[in-house]
C-alpha atoms as a PDB file:
ATOM      1  CA  MET A   1      14.625  25.275  35.739  1.00  0.00           C
ATOM      2  CA  ARG A   2      12.853  25.976  32.453  1.00  0.00           C
ATOM      3  CA  LEU A   3       9.919  23.992  31.161  1.00  0.00           C
ATOM      4  CA  GLU A   4      10.838  21.710  28.283  1.00  0.00           C
ATOM      5  CA  VAL A   5       8.825  19.598  25.861  1.00  0.00           C
ATOM      6  CA  ARG A   6       9.578  16.482  27.914  1.00  0.00           C
ATOM      7  CA  HIS A   7       7.997  18.147  30.955  1.00  0.00           C
ATOM      8  CA  LEU A   8       4.804  18.843  29.018  1.00  0.00           C
ATOM      9  CA  GLU A   9       4.746  15.269  27.750  1.00  0.00           C
ATOM     10  CA  LEU A  10       5.210  13.925  31.259  1.00  0.00           C
ATOM     11  CA  VAL A  11       2.305  15.900  32.750  1.00  0.00           C
ATOM     12  CA  VAL A  12       0.016  15.004  29.818  1.00  0.00           C
ATOM     13  CA  ALA A  13       0.958  11.333  30.179  1.00  0.00           C
ATOM     14  CA  ILE A  14       0.094  11.377  33.895  1.00  0.00           C
ATOM     15  CA  ALA A  15      -3.242  13.040  33.131  1.00  0.00           C
ATOM     16  CA  ASP A  16      -4.020  10.490  30.413  1.00  0.00           C
ATOM     17  CA  CYS A  17      -3.008   7.467  32.482  1.00  0.00           C
ATOM     18  CA  GLY A  18      -4.451   8.553  35.818  1.00  0.00           C
ATOM     19  CA  SER A  19      -1.503   7.158  37.769  1.00  0.00           C
ATOM     20  CA  LEU A  20       2.212   7.743  38.100  1.00  0.00           C
ATOM     21  CA  ARG A  21       2.951   4.047  37.616  1.00  0.00           C
ATOM     22  CA  LYS A  22       1.095   3.811  34.300  1.00  0.00           C
ATOM     23  CA  ALA A  23       2.585   7.078  33.085  1.00  0.00           C
ATOM     24  CA  ALA A  24       6.068   5.801  33.917  1.00  0.00           C
ATOM     25  CA  ALA A  25       5.456   2.673  31.830  1.00  0.00           C
ATOM     26  CA  ARG A  26       4.157   4.736  28.919  1.00  0.00           C
ATOM     27  CA  LEU A  27       7.199   7.033  29.041  1.00  0.00           C
ATOM     28  CA  HIS A  28       9.664   4.164  29.592  1.00  0.00           C
ATOM     29  CA  LEU A  29      10.783   5.697  32.891  1.00  0.00           C
ATOM     30  CA  THR A  30      10.852   4.446  36.452  1.00  0.00           C
ATOM     31  CA  GLN A  31       8.058   5.550  38.784  1.00  0.00           C
ATOM     32  CA  PRO A  32      10.518   7.325  41.143  1.00  0.00           C
ATOM     33  CA  ALA A  33      11.875   9.292  38.150  1.00  0.00           C
ATOM     34  CA  VAL A  34       8.353  10.405  37.188  1.00  0.00           C
ATOM     35  CA  THR A  35       7.584  11.357  40.795  1.00  0.00           C
ATOM     36  CA  THR A  36      10.767  13.413  41.052  1.00  0.00           C
ATOM     37  CA  GLN A  37      10.164  15.187  37.729  1.00  0.00           C
ATOM     38  CA  LEU A  38       6.575  16.006  38.644  1.00  0.00           C
ATOM     39  CA  LYS A  39       7.632  17.481  42.013  1.00  0.00           C
ATOM     40  CA  ARG A  40      10.222  19.684  40.272  1.00  0.00           C
ATOM     41  CA  ILE A  41       7.610  20.888  37.758  1.00  0.00           C
ATOM     42  CA  GLU A  42       5.073  21.655  40.473  1.00  0.00           C
ATOM     43  CA  ASP A  43       7.708  23.449  42.580  1.00  0.00           C
ATOM     44  CA  HIS A  44       8.690  25.520  39.559  1.00  0.00           C
ATOM     45  CA  LEU A  45       5.076  26.445  38.817  1.00  0.00           C
ATOM     46  CA  GLY A  46       4.249  27.167  42.444  1.00  0.00           C
ATOM     47  CA  GLY A  47       1.277  24.835  42.828  1.00  0.00           C
ATOM     48  CA  ALA A  48       0.041  21.272  42.642  1.00  0.00           C
ATOM     49  CA  LEU A  49      -1.102  19.919  39.299  1.00  0.00           C
ATOM     50  CA  PHE A  50      -2.501  16.647  40.686  1.00  0.00           C
ATOM     51  CA  VAL A  51      -4.190  15.393  43.815  1.00  0.00           C
ATOM     52  CA  ARG A  52      -2.781  12.022  44.894  1.00  0.00           C
ATOM     53  CA  SER A  53      -4.999   9.264  46.259  1.00  0.00           C
ATOM     54  CA  ALA A  54      -4.927   5.488  46.757  1.00  0.00           C
ATOM     55  CA  ASP A  55      -6.638   5.076  43.401  1.00  0.00           C
ATOM     56  CA  GLY A  56      -4.157   7.201  41.457  1.00  0.00           C
ATOM     57  CA  VAL A  57      -4.113  10.907  40.645  1.00  0.00           C
ATOM     58  CA  ARG A  58      -6.599  13.486  39.411  1.00  0.00           C
ATOM     59  CA  LEU A  59      -6.053  16.961  38.042  1.00  0.00           C
ATOM     60  CA  THR A  60      -6.432  20.046  40.174  1.00  0.00           C
ATOM     61  CA  PRO A  61      -8.086  23.064  38.484  1.00  0.00           C
ATOM     62  CA  THR A  62      -4.601  24.484  37.926  1.00  0.00           C
ATOM     63  CA  GLY A  63      -3.494  21.147  36.495  1.00  0.00           C
ATOM     64  CA  ALA A  64      -6.475  20.962  34.147  1.00  0.00           C
ATOM     65  CA  ASP A  65      -5.605  24.384  32.706  1.00  0.00           C
ATOM     66  CA  PHE A  66      -1.960  23.376  32.387  1.00  0.00           C
ATOM     67  CA  VAL A  67      -2.778  20.126  30.545  1.00  0.00           C
ATOM     68  CA  GLN A  68      -5.136  21.922  28.153  1.00  0.00           C
ATOM     69  CA  GLU A  69      -2.413  24.388  27.158  1.00  0.00           C
ATOM     70  CA  ALA A  70       0.258  21.675  27.083  1.00  0.00           C
ATOM     71  CA  ARG A  71      -1.777  19.576  24.665  1.00  0.00           C
ATOM     72  CA  SER A  72      -2.195  22.590  22.383  1.00  0.00           C
ATOM     73  CA  MET A  73       1.528  23.325  22.420  1.00  0.00           C
ATOM     74  CA  LEU A  74       2.471  19.701  21.708  1.00  0.00           C
ATOM     75  CA  THR A  75       0.065  19.642  18.770  1.00  0.00           C
ATOM     76  CA  GLN A  76       1.595  22.853  17.440  1.00  0.00           C
ATOM     77  CA  LEU A  77       5.069  21.333  17.709  1.00  0.00           C
ATOM     78  CA  VAL A  78       3.981  18.305  15.675  1.00  0.00           C
ATOM     79  CA  THR A  79       2.535  20.646  13.041  1.00  0.00           C
ATOM     80  CA  LEU A  80       5.724  22.706  13.044  1.00  0.00           C
ATOM     81  CA  GLU A  81       7.838  19.599  12.435  1.00  0.00           C
ATOM     82  CA  ARG A  82       5.565  18.376   9.630  1.00  0.00           C
ATOM     83  CA  VAL A  83       5.475  21.735   7.857  1.00  0.00           C
ATOM     84  CA  THR A  84       9.222  22.194   8.183  1.00  0.00           C
ATOM     85  CA  ARG A  85       9.914  18.735   6.787  1.00  0.00           C
ATOM     86  CA  ARG A  86       7.520  19.382   3.913  1.00  0.00           C
ATOM     87  CA  ASN A  87       9.156  22.710   3.096  1.00  0.00           C
ATOM     88  CA  ALA A  88      12.623  21.206   3.316  1.00  0.00           C
ATOM     89  CA  HIS A  89      11.529  18.366   1.045  1.00  0.00           C
ATOM     90  CA  SER A  90       9.848  20.639  -1.488  1.00  0.00           C
ATOM     91  CA  SER A  91      12.984  22.743  -1.764  1.00  0.00           C
ATOM     92  CA  GLY A  92      14.695  20.039  -3.768  1.00  0.00           C
ATOM     93  CA  ALA A  93      14.451  16.507  -2.399  1.00  0.00           C
ATOM     94  CA  PRO A  94      12.649  14.230  -4.893  1.00  0.00           C
ATOM     95  CA  THR A  95       9.767  11.943  -4.000  1.00  0.00           C
ATOM     96  CA  ARG A  96      11.098   8.405  -3.651  1.00  0.00           C
ATOM     97  CA  LEU A  97       8.879   5.915  -5.481  1.00  0.00           C
ATOM     98  CA  ALA A  98       9.117   2.175  -6.011  1.00  0.00           C
ATOM     99  CA  GLY A  99       6.662  -0.462  -7.090  1.00  0.00           C
ATOM    100  CA  ILE A 100       5.683  -3.378  -9.238  1.00  0.00           C
ATOM    101  CA  PRO A 101       6.304  -3.030 -12.988  1.00  0.00           C
ATOM    102  CA  ALA A 102       2.674  -2.256 -13.760  1.00  0.00           C
ATOM    103  CA  TYR A 103       1.275   0.496 -15.962  1.00  0.00           C
ATOM    104  CA  HIS A 104       0.122   2.280 -12.811  1.00  0.00           C
ATOM    105  CA  PHE A 105       3.775   2.703 -11.864  1.00  0.00           C
ATOM    106  CA  GLY A 106       4.612   4.612 -15.032  1.00  0.00           C
ATOM    107  CA  LEU A 107       1.442   6.685 -14.737  1.00  0.00           C
ATOM    108  CA  LEU A 108       2.387   7.642 -11.182  1.00  0.00           C
ATOM    109  CA  VAL A 109       5.874   8.704 -12.265  1.00  0.00           C
ATOM    110  CA  GLY A 110       4.242  10.960 -14.844  1.00  0.00           C
ATOM    111  CA  ALA A 111       1.840  12.402 -12.282  1.00  0.00           C
ATOM    112  CA  LEU A 112       4.717  13.248  -9.943  1.00  0.00           C
ATOM    113  CA  LYS A 113       6.366  15.257 -12.747  1.00  0.00           C
ATOM    114  CA  ASP A 114      10.116  15.797 -12.683  1.00  0.00           C
ATOM    115  CA  ASN A 115      10.875  15.738  -8.957  1.00  0.00           C
ATOM    116  CA  VAL A 116      10.810  11.965  -8.479  1.00  0.00           C
ATOM    117  CA  THR A 117      13.198   9.041  -8.352  1.00  0.00           C
ATOM    118  CA  SER A 118      11.871   5.545  -9.009  1.00  0.00           C
ATOM    119  CA  ARG A 119      12.732   1.885  -9.220  1.00  0.00           C
ATOM    120  CA  THR A 120      10.711  -1.249  -9.876  1.00  0.00           C
ATOM    121  CA  ILE A 121      10.528  -3.839  -7.110  1.00  0.00           C
ATOM    122  CA  LYS A 122       8.198  -6.836  -7.248  1.00  0.00           C
ATOM    123  CA  GLU A 123       8.489  -8.190  -3.718  1.00  0.00           C
ATOM    124  CA  THR A 124       5.713  -7.006  -1.431  1.00  0.00           C
ATOM    125  CA  GLY A 125       7.823  -7.564   1.678  1.00  0.00           C
ATOM    126  CA  THR A 126      10.663  -5.438   0.331  1.00  0.00           C
ATOM    127  CA  LEU A 127       8.347  -2.565  -0.594  1.00  0.00           C
ATOM    128  CA  THR A 128       6.647  -2.702   2.803  1.00  0.00           C
ATOM    129  CA  ALA A 129      10.001  -2.695   4.623  1.00  0.00           C
ATOM    130  CA  LEU A 130      11.287   0.292   2.636  1.00  0.00           C
ATOM    131  CA  LEU A 131       8.112   2.249   3.391  1.00  0.00           C
ATOM    132  CA  THR A 132       8.355   1.348   7.066  1.00  0.00           C
ATOM    133  CA  THR A 133      11.953   2.545   7.408  1.00  0.00           C
ATOM    134  CA  GLY A 134      11.348   5.750   5.448  1.00  0.00           C
ATOM    135  CA  GLU A 135      13.569   4.788   2.517  1.00  0.00           C
ATOM    136  CA  LEU A 136      10.512   5.202   0.288  1.00  0.00           C
ATOM    137  CA  ASP A 137       7.799   7.857   0.307  1.00  0.00           C
ATOM    138  CA  ILE A 138       5.268   6.071  -1.899  1.00  0.00           C
ATOM    139  CA  ALA A 139       4.874   2.674  -3.546  1.00  0.00           C
ATOM    140  CA  VAL A 140       2.683   0.709  -5.945  1.00  0.00           C
ATOM    141  CA  LEU A 141       1.908  -2.797  -4.660  1.00  0.00           C
ATOM    142  CA  ARG A 142      -0.246  -5.715  -5.743  1.00  0.00           C
ATOM    143  CA  ARG A 143      -2.688  -7.730  -3.695  1.00  0.00           C
ATOM    144  CA  PHE A 144      -4.214 -11.101  -4.564  1.00  0.00           C
ATOM    145  CA  PRO A 145      -7.153 -12.828  -2.846  1.00  0.00           C
ATOM    146  CA  GLY A 146      -5.971 -14.875   0.106  1.00  0.00           C
ATOM    147  CA  THR A 147      -2.815 -12.816   0.676  1.00  0.00           C
ATOM    148  CA  PRO A 148      -3.676  -9.525   2.409  1.00  0.00           C
ATOM    149  CA  LEU A 149      -1.228  -6.659   2.676  1.00  0.00           C
ATOM    150  CA  SER A 150       0.235  -5.999   6.114  1.00  0.00           C
ATOM    151  CA  LEU A 151       1.175  -2.327   6.304  1.00  0.00           C
ATOM    152  CA  PRO A 152       2.432  -0.465   9.397  1.00  0.00           C
ATOM    153  CA  PRO A 153       0.354   2.277  11.092  1.00  0.00           C
ATOM    154  CA  ASN A 154       2.465   5.066   9.573  1.00  0.00           C
ATOM    155  CA  VAL A 155       1.563   3.997   6.027  1.00  0.00           C
ATOM    156  CA  GLY A 156      -1.713   4.845   4.296  1.00  0.00           C
ATOM    157  CA  HIS A 157      -3.078   2.952   1.319  1.00  0.00           C
ATOM    158  CA  ARG A 158      -5.758   3.148  -1.339  1.00  0.00           C
ATOM    159  CA  LEU A 159      -7.028   0.800  -4.030  1.00  0.00           C
ATOM    160  CA  LEU A 160      -6.123   2.050  -7.515  1.00  0.00           C
ATOM    161  CA  THR A 161      -7.656  -0.687  -9.659  1.00  0.00           C
ATOM    162  CA  ARG A 162      -9.151  -4.136  -9.370  1.00  0.00           C
ATOM    163  CA  GLU A 163      -8.046  -5.922 -12.512  1.00  0.00           C
ATOM    164  CA  PRO A 164      -9.174  -9.214 -14.016  1.00  0.00           C
ATOM    165  CA  LEU A 165      -6.416 -11.479 -15.220  1.00  0.00           C
ATOM    166  CA  PHE A 166      -6.835 -12.673 -18.771  1.00  0.00           C
ATOM    167  CA  VAL A 167      -5.136 -15.652 -20.356  1.00  0.00           C
ATOM    168  CA  GLY A 168      -2.888 -15.796 -23.393  1.00  0.00           C
ATOM    169  CA  VAL A 169      -3.341 -18.778 -25.701  1.00  0.00           C
ATOM    170  CA  PRO A 170      -1.705 -19.655 -29.035  1.00  0.00           C
ATOM    171  CA  ASP A 171      -3.691 -18.554 -32.081  1.00  0.00           C
ATOM    172  CA  HIS A 172      -4.447 -22.203 -32.966  1.00  0.00           C
ATOM    173  CA  HIS A 173      -6.079 -22.894 -29.582  1.00  0.00           C
ATOM    174  CA  PRO A 174      -9.721 -24.058 -29.893  1.00  0.00           C
ATOM    175  CA  TYR A 175     -10.891 -20.940 -28.014  1.00  0.00           C
ATOM    176  CA  ALA A 176      -8.559 -18.455 -29.713  1.00  0.00           C
ATOM    177  CA  ASN A 177     -11.366 -16.782 -31.652  1.00  0.00           C
ATOM    178  CA  GLU A 178     -13.954 -16.865 -28.880  1.00  0.00           C
ATOM    179  CA  PRO A 179     -14.868 -13.738 -26.860  1.00  0.00           C
ATOM    180  CA  GLU A 180     -13.904 -15.477 -23.595  1.00  0.00           C
ATOM    181  CA  ILE A 181     -12.779 -18.823 -22.230  1.00  0.00           C
ATOM    182  CA  PRO A 182     -13.985 -20.861 -19.237  1.00  0.00           C
ATOM    183  CA  LEU A 183     -11.177 -21.590 -16.810  1.00  0.00           C
ATOM    184  CA  GLU A 184     -11.958 -25.315 -16.926  1.00  0.00           C
ATOM    185  CA  ALA A 185     -11.311 -25.301 -20.674  1.00  0.00           C
ATOM    186  CA  LEU A 186      -7.619 -24.830 -19.844  1.00  0.00           C
ATOM    187  CA  ALA A 187      -7.391 -28.012 -17.756  1.00  0.00           C
ATOM    188  CA  ASP A 188      -5.406 -29.954 -20.362  1.00  0.00           C
ATOM    189  CA  ASP A 189      -3.095 -27.122 -21.385  1.00  0.00           C
ATOM    190  CA  LYS A 190       0.467 -26.631 -20.243  1.00  0.00           C
ATOM    191  CA  TRP A 191       1.003 -23.380 -18.369  1.00  0.00           C
ATOM    192  CA  VAL A 192       3.657 -20.697 -18.180  1.00  0.00           C
ATOM    193  CA  MET A 193       3.641 -19.122 -14.718  1.00  0.00           C
ATOM    194  CA  PRO A 194       5.794 -16.473 -13.034  1.00  0.00           C
ATOM    195  CA  GLU A 195       8.277 -17.565 -10.409  1.00  0.00           C
ATOM    196  CA  PRO A 196       6.458 -17.916  -7.057  1.00  0.00           C
ATOM    197  CA  ASP A 197       6.894 -14.910  -4.771  1.00  0.00           C
ATOM    198  CA  ASP A 198       5.329 -13.313  -1.703  1.00  0.00           C
ATOM    199  CA  SER A 199       2.448 -11.713  -3.626  1.00  0.00           C
ATOM    200  CA  GLY A 200       0.305 -14.842  -3.453  1.00  0.00           C
ATOM    201  CA  MET A 201      -0.424 -14.823  -7.189  1.00  0.00           C
ATOM    202  CA  ASN A 202       0.507 -18.453  -7.854  1.00  0.00           C
ATOM    203  CA  ALA A 203      -1.405 -19.663  -4.820  1.00  0.00           C
ATOM    204  CA  HIS A 204      -4.467 -17.701  -5.997  1.00  0.00           C
ATOM    205  CA  PHE A 205      -4.252 -19.377  -9.399  1.00  0.00           C
ATOM    206  CA  ALA A 206      -3.866 -22.827  -7.877  1.00  0.00           C
ATOM    207  CA  ARG A 207      -6.958 -22.351  -5.691  1.00  0.00           C
ATOM    208  CA  GLU A 208      -9.119 -21.098  -8.564  1.00  0.00           C
ATOM    209  CA  CYS A 209      -8.000 -23.884 -10.875  1.00  0.00           C
ATOM    210  CA  ALA A 210      -8.768 -26.423  -8.148  1.00  0.00           C
ATOM    211  CA  ALA A 211     -12.217 -24.854  -7.741  1.00  0.00           C
ATOM    212  CA  ALA A 212     -12.686 -25.314 -11.492  1.00  0.00           C
ATOM    213  CA  GLY A 213     -11.855 -29.004 -11.137  1.00  0.00           C
ATOM    214  CA  PHE A 214      -8.238 -29.317 -12.218  1.00  0.00           C
ATOM    215  CA  GLU A 215      -4.614 -28.866 -11.205  1.00  0.00           C
ATOM    216  CA  GLN A 216      -2.427 -26.643 -13.353  1.00  0.00           C
ATOM    217  CA  ARG A 217       0.112 -28.440 -15.506  1.00  0.00           C
ATOM    218  CA  ILE A 218       2.934 -25.928 -15.108  1.00  0.00           C
ATOM    219  CA  ALA A 219       5.657 -26.611 -17.663  1.00  0.00           C
ATOM    220  CA  HIS A 220       7.536 -23.309 -17.603  1.00  0.00           C
ATOM    221  CA  PHE A 221       8.374 -20.599 -15.076  1.00  0.00           C
ATOM    222  CA  SER A 222       9.273 -17.102 -16.247  1.00  0.00           C
ATOM    223  CA  SER A 223       8.664 -13.668 -14.777  1.00  0.00           C
ATOM    224  CA  GLU A 224       9.664 -11.947 -18.039  1.00  0.00           C
ATOM    225  CA  PRO A 225       6.632 -11.031 -20.190  1.00  0.00           C
ATOM    226  CA  HIS A 226       8.472 -11.298 -23.509  1.00  0.00           C
ATOM    227  CA  VAL A 227       9.662 -14.811 -22.640  1.00  0.00           C
ATOM    228  CA  ALA A 228       6.168 -15.874 -21.592  1.00  0.00           C
ATOM    229  CA  LEU A 229       4.637 -14.530 -24.811  1.00  0.00           C
ATOM    230  CA  THR A 230       7.245 -16.337 -26.883  1.00  0.00           C
ATOM    231  CA  LEU A 231       6.539 -19.586 -25.041  1.00  0.00           C
ATOM    232  CA  ILE A 232       2.816 -19.222 -25.776  1.00  0.00           C
ATOM    233  CA  ARG A 233       3.490 -18.818 -29.474  1.00  0.00           C
ATOM    234  CA  GLU A 234       6.285 -21.357 -29.847  1.00  0.00           C
ATOM    235  CA  SER A 235       5.365 -24.111 -27.385  1.00  0.00           C
ATOM    236  CA  GLY A 236       1.584 -23.869 -27.393  1.00  0.00           C
ATOM    237  CA  ALA A 237       1.421 -23.215 -23.657  1.00  0.00           C
ATOM    238  CA  VAL A 238      -1.050 -20.841 -22.016  1.00  0.00           C
ATOM    239  CA  CYS A 239      -0.191 -18.045 -19.618  1.00  0.00           C
ATOM    240  CA  PRO A 240      -1.927 -15.470 -17.388  1.00  0.00           C
ATOM    241  CA  LEU A 241      -1.785 -11.987 -18.904  1.00  0.00           C
ATOM    242  CA  TYR A 242      -2.717  -8.643 -17.449  1.00  0.00           C
ATOM    243  CA  PRO A 243      -5.502  -7.010 -19.424  1.00  0.00           C
ATOM    244  CA  VAL A 244      -3.746  -3.817 -20.530  1.00  0.00           C
ATOM    245  CA  GLY A 245      -1.501  -3.926 -23.547  1.00  0.00           C
ATOM    246  CA  GLY A 246      -1.248  -5.155 -27.078  1.00  0.00           C
ATOM    247  CA  THR A 247      -1.096  -8.788 -28.161  1.00  0.00           C
ATOM    248  CA  PRO A 248       1.718  -9.968 -30.451  1.00  0.00           C
ATOM    249  CA  PRO A 249       1.084 -12.092 -33.564  1.00  0.00           C
ATOM    250  CA  GLY A 250       0.475 -15.745 -32.814  1.00  0.00           C
ATOM    251  CA  VAL A 251      -1.145 -15.061 -29.421  1.00  0.00           C
ATOM    252  CA  ALA A 252      -4.777 -14.456 -28.454  1.00  0.00           C
ATOM    253  CA  ARG A 253      -5.609 -12.592 -25.231  1.00  0.00           C
ATOM    254  CA  LEU A 254      -8.894 -13.808 -23.730  1.00  0.00           C
ATOM    255  CA  PRO A 255     -11.006 -12.832 -20.719  1.00  0.00           C
ATOM    256  CA  ILE A 256     -11.855 -15.757 -18.444  1.00  0.00           C
ATOM    257  CA  THR A 257     -15.554 -16.443 -17.952  1.00  0.00           C
ATOM    258  CA  GLY A 258     -16.715 -15.046 -14.601  1.00  0.00           C
ATOM    259  CA  ASN A 259     -13.409 -13.262 -13.913  1.00  0.00           C
ATOM    260  CA  PRO A 260     -12.200 -15.725 -11.261  1.00  0.00           C
ATOM    261  CA  LEU A 261      -8.601 -14.452 -11.366  1.00  0.00           C
ATOM    262  CA  VAL A 262      -8.093 -11.003  -9.901  1.00  0.00           C
ATOM    263  CA  ARG A 263      -5.300  -8.597  -9.034  1.00  0.00           C
ATOM    264  CA  GLU A 264      -5.713  -5.443  -6.966  1.00  0.00           C
ATOM    265  CA  VAL A 265      -3.226  -2.630  -7.525  1.00  0.00           C
ATOM    266  CA  VAL A 266      -2.713  -0.621  -4.348  1.00  0.00           C
ATOM    267  CA  LEU A 267      -1.060   2.737  -3.736  1.00  0.00           C
ATOM    268  CA  ALA A 268       0.713   3.031  -0.364  1.00  0.00           C
ATOM    269  CA  TRP A 269       2.455   6.066   1.100  1.00  0.00           C
ATOM    270  CA  ARG A 270       4.061   7.259   4.306  1.00  0.00           C
ATOM    271  CA  LEU A 271       1.648   9.483   6.208  1.00  0.00           C
ATOM    272  CA  ASP A 272       4.475  11.833   7.205  1.00  0.00           C
ATOM    273  CA  ALA A 273       5.809  12.258   3.662  1.00  0.00           C
ATOM    274  CA  PRO A 274       5.029  15.510   1.797  1.00  0.00           C
ATOM    275  CA  VAL A 275       3.500  13.479  -1.020  1.00  0.00           C
ATOM    276  CA  ALA A 276       0.706  12.434   1.379  1.00  0.00           C
ATOM    277  CA  GLU A 277      -0.998  15.767   0.718  1.00  0.00           C
ATOM    278  CA  GLU A 278      -1.134  15.011  -3.026  1.00  0.00           C
ATOM    279  CA  ILE A 279      -2.705  11.554  -2.875  1.00  0.00           C
ATOM    280  CA  ASP A 280      -6.183  12.547  -4.100  1.00  0.00           C
ATOM    281  CA  ASP A 281      -4.776  14.357  -7.119  1.00  0.00           C
ATOM    282  CA  LEU A 282      -2.273  11.598  -7.901  1.00  0.00           C
ATOM    283  CA  CYS A 283      -4.984   8.919  -7.783  1.00  0.00           C
ATOM    284  CA  ASP A 284      -7.185  10.972 -10.107  1.00  0.00           C
ATOM    285  CA  GLN A 285      -4.345  11.347 -12.597  1.00  0.00           C
ATOM    286  CA  VAL A 286      -3.483   7.645 -12.494  1.00  0.00           C
ATOM    287  CA  ALA A 287      -7.153   6.718 -12.970  1.00  0.00           C
ATOM    288  CA  ALA A 288      -7.476   9.021 -15.986  1.00  0.00           C
ATOM    289  CA  GLY A 289      -4.312   7.623 -17.531  1.00  0.00           C
ATOM    290  CA  TYR A 290      -5.455   4.065 -16.901  1.00  0.00           C
ATOM    291  CA  LEU A 291      -8.741   4.658 -18.724  1.00  0.00           C
ATOM    292  CA  LYS A 292      -6.782   5.798 -21.782  1.00  0.00           C
ATOM    293  CA  LEU A 293      -4.810   2.558 -21.661  1.00  0.00           C
ATOM    294  CA  VAL A 294      -8.076   0.607 -21.460  1.00  0.00           C
ATOM    295  CA  ASP A 295      -9.298   2.319 -24.627  1.00  0.00           C
ATOM    296  CA  GLU A 296      -6.037   1.452 -26.390  1.00  0.00           C
ATOM    297  CA  SER A 297      -6.299  -2.259 -25.471  1.00  0.00           C
ATOM    298  CA  GLU A 298      -8.824  -3.838 -27.836  1.00  0.00           C
ATOM    299  CA  VAL A 299      -9.790  -6.892 -25.813  1.00  0.00           C
ATOM    300  CA  TYR A 300      -9.816  -5.023 -22.485  1.00  0.00           C
ATOM    301  CA  ALA A 301     -11.867  -2.170 -23.936  1.00  0.00           C
ATOM    302  CA  ARG A 302     -14.488  -4.612 -25.151  1.00  0.00           C
ATOM    303  CA  TRP A 303     -14.567  -6.363 -21.768  1.00  0.00           C
ATOM    304  CA  TRP A 304     -14.782  -2.972 -19.998  1.00  0.00           C
ATOM    305  CA  ARG A 305     -17.752  -1.815 -22.083  1.00  0.00           C
ATOM    306  CA  THR A 306     -19.712  -5.011 -21.438  1.00  0.00           C
ATOM    307  CA  GLY A 307     -19.841  -4.675 -17.672  1.00  0.00           C
ATOM    308  CA  GLY A 308     -16.185  -4.813 -16.709  1.00  0.00           C
ATOM    309  CA  GLU A 309     -16.053  -1.217 -15.486  1.00  0.00           C
ATOM    310  CA  ALA A 310     -18.229  -2.054 -12.453  1.00  0.00           C
ATOM    311  CA  PHE A 311     -15.934  -4.996 -11.641  1.00  0.00           C
ATOM    312  CA  ALA A 312     -12.745  -2.956 -11.857  1.00  0.00           C
ATOM    313  CA  THR A 313     -13.901   0.086  -9.909  1.00  0.00           C
END
């Protein structure tokens, strides 16, 4: 016989578990199969690797040396696979990106340069599933208080920005010319809200409004920003707005006193994807681009300069 990777894995598993029975369970084999394989390996090597006892097994000196070298070889094989995949990917395969239609998404596309394919997807569950199965390499997700992300072990993540949510009001609203508005001042207004989804945004709003002493009077549902802005201007409703961006005529964008409404923008990536080695640089580029957008957004820039930066970062 010749030693194979599976033989190294079997001996290491027995050493880690301390018994043939536990090693068999870990390897999804029967105990007799593990016993037979171990005997063949020991016969091939010409000496015992383990001493059997009623309590399990322990390594012989020869076995300890074997396991040390086996661990090193298995680690090298993992490295070989990772490097080969990275080189194969870098030879032409684009980074596969998806995420919520936030400014961070566009900034990330720019940071990844030309070798990227992208699509916008709002649903957190869909993005998580695509990362889990390897259909995506990297994604931009959102997280609201009360609805944590649930990512698999093979996916890393990092907070990009913690954003306050502002509110859009018609320009004839009593608070339209104020620097900010208390949430309770919106108790009698009709609201435009996005369609409920798995992000937890609507539930977060409902809880904060209840804490402020009122229940939202939701008159309209729309997940399209241009429709929501038109409804603010034409119907007199109010609507949550993200802080970045310009404000059209007829609408005032206001911070909410105390910043009770919050969205976190999160970058998630597969740990085995080549892009994992670029995460620090990508986050730095997105952060720099985001600060430029802050400066270009009059209301957000003013909020940022008066203490908002500490909140967001």
